[in-house]
Amino acid sequence: MNRTTALQIVAVPGIPLVKAGDDLATFIADGLATAKLAPQANDVVVIAQKIVSKAEGRSVDLATVVPSARAIELAGQIDKDPRLVELVLSESVRVVRSRPGILIVEHKLGFVMANAGIDQSNVGPTDGVERALLLPVNPDASAEALRKRLGELAGTAPAIVIIDSFGRAWRRGTSGVAIGAAGLPSLLDLRGNPDLFGRILQVSITGFADEIAAAASLVMGQGNEAQPVVLIRGLSWSAPARPASDLVRPASEDMFR
């Protein structure tokens, strides 16, 4: 069970603009050292998906994208750039909903999200090239690699959560969501534990990594805050590590597909 009574949530300073091939773990280790935040057991380093994708070279020059007939037709219906729609379709397994200005798809990774997570905000062309940024190919593997590298650099390997901003069915506004994780249980299955009055919990499963993502988002921000890495200290857990992919509800359990 999680017995946390207080949390420290701190933006890691000094993270530069990230480009393809950069050693992101070194940037984070340097920022932690600058802030005198040597990693401790059960620390969680939360990282914005954008800088992971940038470091992994997941940007696409839109001038190189040739829209298919399907992308052109759909783009006309929803008033979006056909090149972006082509990228969305190429990263997805199906279109869930579409209407003017909105394209909700099921990503190849299983996430149901707007535009397959493809984004142009904070991508910032400096050479006149119009780019779009895709999700990491395997966010859980990215998290594990960053955790291992941070352990080598800092002596202690903190848990890693890679997050993105998702809209939510039935609720307005976006919230931080975990798309990659390593070193912690993304899900905490509380079934079989007693509640305050000794009653056994029957259905309680906590999206632990998503709750961490939402907390970190309060510090990261969504615009020009330039705080893409956050350290969370004070959490506790005893369950074994589980990847963020475990957060995706299987089709057999999904009442709305």
Protein backbone atom coordinates (compact mmCIF):
# COMPACT_ATOMS: atom_id res chain seq x y z
CA MET A 1 0.00 0.00 0.00
CA ASN A 2 1.06 3.59 -0.66
CA ARG A 3 1.64 5.42 2.66
CA THR A 4 2.71 8.79 1.28
CA THR A 5 1.96 11.77 3.53
CA ALA A 6 3.81 14.57 1.70
CA LEU A 7 5.42 15.14 -1.68
CA GLN A 8 8.17 17.37 -3.03
CA ILE A 9 7.72 18.25 -6.72
CA VAL A 10 10.64 20.19 -8.18
CA ALA A 11 11.39 21.30 -11.74
CA VAL A 12 14.88 20.16 -12.72
CA PRO A 13 16.74 23.30 -13.86
CA GLY A 14 19.02 23.87 -16.80
CA ILE A 15 17.50 21.49 -19.36
CA PRO A 16 18.56 22.95 -22.74
CA LEU A 17 16.64 22.79 -25.99
CA VAL A 18 16.91 19.15 -27.01
CA LYS A 19 17.79 17.97 -30.50
CA ALA A 20 18.17 14.58 -32.19
CA GLY A 21 21.00 12.52 -30.78
CA ASP A 22 21.36 14.44 -27.52
CA ASP A 23 22.17 12.49 -24.35
CA LEU A 24 19.03 13.42 -22.46
CA ALA A 25 20.10 11.53 -19.33
CA THR A 26 23.23 13.68 -19.08
CA PHE A 27 21.14 16.85 -19.26
CA ILE A 28 18.94 15.52 -16.45
CA ALA A 29 21.88 14.38 -14.31
CA ASP A 30 23.53 17.79 -14.71
CA GLY A 31 20.29 19.55 -13.77
CA LEU A 32 19.84 17.38 -10.69
CA ALA A 33 23.43 18.11 -9.65
CA THR A 34 22.91 21.84 -10.14
CA ALA A 35 19.83 21.72 -7.90
CA LYS A 36 21.68 19.54 -5.37
CA LEU A 37 19.07 16.82 -5.82
CA ALA A 38 21.08 13.62 -5.79
CA PRO A 39 18.67 10.80 -6.71
CA GLN A 40 17.34 8.79 -3.78
CA ALA A 41 15.44 5.52 -3.52
CA ASN A 42 11.83 5.91 -4.72
CA ASP A 43 12.52 9.24 -6.41
CA VAL A 44 10.63 9.60 -9.69
CA VAL A 45 11.96 11.65 -12.59
CA VAL A 46 9.07 12.71 -14.82
CA ILE A 47 9.94 13.70 -18.37
CA ALA A 48 7.85 15.41 -21.04
CA GLN A 49 7.36 13.22 -24.10
CA LYS A 50 8.43 16.01 -26.44
CA ILE A 51 12.05 16.07 -25.33
CA VAL A 52 12.26 12.27 -25.43
CA SER A 53 10.91 12.27 -28.99
CA LYS A 54 13.29 15.05 -29.98
CA ALA A 55 16.32 13.23 -28.58
CA GLU A 56 15.24 10.08 -30.41
CA GLY A 57 14.90 11.94 -33.71
CA ARG A 58 11.15 11.44 -34.03
CA SER A 59 10.52 14.67 -35.92
CA VAL A 60 9.25 14.64 -39.51
CA ASP A 61 9.73 17.34 -42.14
CA LEU A 62 6.21 17.95 -43.40
CA ALA A 63 7.57 18.79 -46.84
CA THR A 64 8.53 15.11 -47.20
CA VAL A 65 5.02 13.80 -46.46
CA VAL A 66 2.88 12.81 -49.43
CA PRO A 67 -0.79 12.56 -48.38
CA SER A 68 -2.78 9.53 -49.49
CA ALA A 69 -6.23 9.83 -51.04
CA ARG A 70 -7.74 8.80 -47.71
CA ALA A 71 -5.77 11.49 -45.84
CA ILE A 72 -6.81 14.16 -48.36
CA GLU A 73 -10.47 13.20 -48.06
CA LEU A 74 -10.40 13.11 -44.26
CA ALA A 75 -8.44 16.36 -44.05
CA GLY A 76 -11.14 18.08 -46.09
CA GLN A 77 -13.82 16.82 -43.71
CA ILE A 78 -12.05 17.96 -40.53
CA ASP A 79 -10.22 21.04 -41.87
CA LYS A 80 -6.66 19.87 -41.11
CA ASP A 81 -3.43 19.82 -43.08
CA PRO A 82 -3.51 16.65 -45.24
CA ARG A 83 0.16 16.02 -44.46
CA LEU A 84 -0.56 15.96 -40.73
CA VAL A 85 -3.55 13.71 -41.29
CA GLU A 86 -1.34 11.32 -43.28
CA LEU A 87 1.11 11.15 -40.36
CA VAL A 88 -1.75 10.54 -37.93
CA LEU A 89 -3.10 7.70 -40.04
CA SER A 90 0.36 6.17 -40.42
CA GLU A 91 0.77 6.12 -36.62
CA SER A 92 -2.70 4.71 -35.93
CA VAL A 93 -4.66 1.49 -36.29
CA ARG A 94 -8.10 3.09 -36.58
CA VAL A 95 -10.00 6.37 -36.51
CA VAL A 96 -12.24 6.46 -33.45
CA ARG A 97 -14.02 9.78 -34.04
CA SER A 98 -13.62 12.75 -36.34
CA ARG A 99 -15.34 16.07 -36.86
CA PRO A 100 -14.17 19.55 -37.92
CA GLY A 101 -11.01 20.34 -35.96
CA ILE A 102 -10.92 16.98 -34.14
CA LEU A 103 -9.34 13.64 -35.01
CA ILE A 104 -9.37 10.92 -32.33
CA VAL A 105 -7.53 7.71 -33.18
CA GLU A 106 -6.22 4.53 -31.62
CA HIS A 107 -2.45 4.78 -31.74
CA LYS A 108 -0.35 1.75 -32.66
CA LEU A 109 0.75 1.69 -29.00
CA GLY A 110 -2.87 1.28 -27.89
CA PHE A 111 -3.51 4.83 -26.68
CA VAL A 112 -6.78 6.43 -27.74
CA MET A 113 -5.83 10.06 -28.26
CA ALA A 114 -6.10 13.14 -30.42
CA ASN A 115 -3.94 13.22 -33.56
CA ALA A 116 -1.96 10.10 -32.53
CA GLY A 117 0.00 12.36 -30.19
CA ILE A 118 1.54 14.18 -33.17
CA ASP A 119 2.27 17.75 -32.24
CA GLN A 120 3.81 20.94 -33.55
CA SER A 121 3.72 22.99 -30.35
CA ASN A 122 7.14 23.68 -28.83
CA VAL A 123 8.81 22.00 -31.81
CA GLY A 124 10.24 25.39 -32.82
CA PRO A 125 11.85 25.32 -36.28
CA THR A 126 15.14 27.22 -36.33
CA ASP A 127 16.00 26.47 -39.97
CA GLY A 128 12.73 27.28 -41.70
CA VAL A 129 11.65 23.63 -41.83
CA GLU A 130 8.08 22.88 -40.73
CA ARG A 131 8.21 19.80 -38.53
CA ALA A 132 5.84 17.53 -36.64
CA LEU A 133 6.84 15.40 -33.66
CA LEU A 134 5.80 11.76 -33.26
CA LEU A 135 5.61 9.74 -30.05
CA PRO A 136 8.62 7.57 -29.17
CA VAL A 137 8.54 4.18 -30.89
CA ASN A 138 8.50 2.38 -27.50
CA PRO A 139 8.04 4.77 -24.57
CA ASP A 140 8.51 2.05 -21.93
CA ALA A 141 11.84 1.07 -23.50
CA SER A 142 12.80 4.75 -23.65
CA ALA A 143 12.04 5.07 -19.94
CA GLU A 144 14.08 1.99 -19.09
CA ALA A 145 17.06 3.22 -21.12
CA LEU A 146 16.94 6.62 -19.42
CA ARG A 147 16.69 4.99 -16.00
CA LYS A 148 19.72 2.81 -16.67
CA ARG A 149 21.77 5.72 -18.00
CA LEU A 150 20.81 7.98 -15.07
CA GLY A 151 21.87 5.22 -12.70
CA GLU A 152 25.28 5.13 -14.38
CA LEU A 153 25.66 8.90 -14.19
CA ALA A 154 24.21 9.59 -10.74
CA GLY A 155 24.89 6.37 -8.84
CA THR A 156 21.20 5.75 -8.09
CA ALA A 157 18.61 4.93 -10.73
CA PRO A 158 15.36 6.79 -10.06
CA ALA A 159 12.06 5.59 -11.46
CA ILE A 160 11.19 7.23 -14.78
CA VAL A 161 7.79 8.31 -16.09
CA ILE A 162 7.40 9.78 -19.57
CA ILE A 163 4.23 11.82 -19.90
CA ASP A 164 2.02 13.47 -22.48
CA SER A 165 -1.17 15.55 -22.25
CA PHE A 166 -4.42 13.74 -23.05
CA GLY A 167 -7.96 14.90 -23.31
CA ARG A 168 -10.46 12.81 -21.35
CA ALA A 169 -13.82 11.36 -22.28
CA TRP A 170 -16.70 13.13 -20.50
CA ARG A 171 -14.44 15.83 -19.02
CA ARG A 172 -13.07 19.05 -20.47
CA GLY A 173 -9.40 19.95 -20.37
CA THR A 174 -6.23 17.94 -20.71
CA SER A 175 -4.28 16.16 -18.00
CA GLY A 176 -0.85 14.59 -17.76
CA VAL A 177 -0.86 10.88 -18.61
CA ALA A 178 1.94 8.33 -18.43
CA ILE A 179 2.94 6.84 -21.78
CA GLY A 180 6.21 5.25 -20.62
CA ALA A 181 7.48 4.08 -17.24
CA ALA A 182 10.32 2.14 -15.64
CA GLY A 183 11.22 1.30 -12.06
CA LEU A 184 7.74 1.64 -10.55
CA PRO A 185 4.32 0.00 -10.78
CA SER A 186 2.25 1.94 -13.29
CA LEU A 187 -0.80 0.20 -11.85
CA LEU A 188 -1.38 -0.55 -8.17
CA ASP A 189 -3.84 -3.39 -7.72
CA LEU A 190 -5.45 -2.81 -4.32
CA ARG A 191 -7.99 -5.62 -4.58
CA GLY A 192 -7.90 -7.86 -1.55
CA ASN A 193 -6.66 -5.11 0.78
CA PRO A 194 -8.91 -3.83 3.57
CA ASP A 195 -10.45 -0.38 3.57
CA LEU A 196 -10.60 1.87 6.66
CA PHE A 197 -13.31 -0.33 8.20
CA GLY A 198 -11.80 -3.68 7.28
CA ARG A 199 -13.99 -4.23 4.25
CA ILE A 200 -12.06 -6.00 1.47
CA LEU A 201 -11.57 -3.92 -1.68
CA GLN A 202 -13.08 -5.65 -4.71
CA VAL A 203 -12.38 -3.43 -7.74
CA SER A 204 -9.81 -0.80 -6.71
CA ILE A 205 -6.91 -0.48 -9.15
CA THR A 206 -4.99 2.81 -9.06
CA GLY A 207 -3.37 4.35 -12.13
CA PHE A 208 -0.25 5.18 -10.11
CA ALA A 209 1.85 6.42 -13.03
CA ASP A 210 -1.02 8.56 -14.34
CA GLU A 211 -1.44 10.20 -10.94
CA ILE A 212 2.30 10.95 -10.92
CA ALA A 213 1.98 12.38 -14.44
CA ALA A 214 -0.87 14.67 -13.46
CA ALA A 215 1.02 15.96 -10.41
CA ALA A 216 4.16 16.65 -12.45
CA SER A 217 2.13 18.48 -15.10
CA LEU A 218 1.21 21.14 -12.55
CA VAL A 219 4.88 22.12 -12.43
CA MET A 220 5.79 21.43 -16.05
CA GLY A 221 3.01 23.53 -17.52
CA GLN A 222 1.75 23.35 -21.10
CA GLY A 223 3.21 26.44 -22.77
CA ASN A 224 6.45 28.37 -22.53
CA GLU A 225 7.39 27.33 -19.00
CA ALA A 226 10.44 25.39 -20.30
CA GLN A 227 10.35 22.92 -17.40
CA PRO A 228 10.18 19.55 -19.17
CA VAL A 229 11.73 17.49 -16.35
CA VAL A 230 10.37 17.22 -12.81
CA LEU A 231 11.60 15.32 -9.76
CA ILE A 232 8.99 13.90 -7.39
CA ARG A 233 10.20 12.86 -3.95
CA GLY A 234 8.24 11.32 -1.09
CA LEU A 235 6.36 8.52 -2.82
CA SER A 236 6.47 4.96 -1.57
CA TRP A 237 5.49 1.65 -3.11
CA SER A 238 6.20 -2.02 -2.60
CA ALA A 239 4.57 -3.58 -5.66
CA PRO A 240 6.81 -4.77 -8.50
CA ALA A 241 7.48 -2.54 -11.49
CA ARG A 242 4.93 -2.54 -14.29
CA PRO A 243 5.24 -0.65 -17.61
CA ALA A 244 2.93 2.14 -18.70
CA SER A 245 1.59 -0.14 -21.43
CA ASP A 246 -0.28 -1.96 -18.64
CA LEU A 247 -2.43 1.16 -18.25
CA VAL A 248 -4.04 0.60 -21.65
CA ARG A 249 -7.40 -1.09 -21.16
CA PRO A 250 -7.66 -4.30 -23.22
CA ALA A 251 -10.39 -4.34 -25.85
CA SER A 252 -12.09 -7.20 -23.98
CA GLU A 253 -12.60 -4.88 -20.98
CA ASP A 254 -13.55 -1.77 -22.96
CA MET A 255 -17.30 -1.08 -22.85
CA PHE A 256 -17.14 1.72 -25.41
CA ARG A 257 -15.35 0.27 -28.46
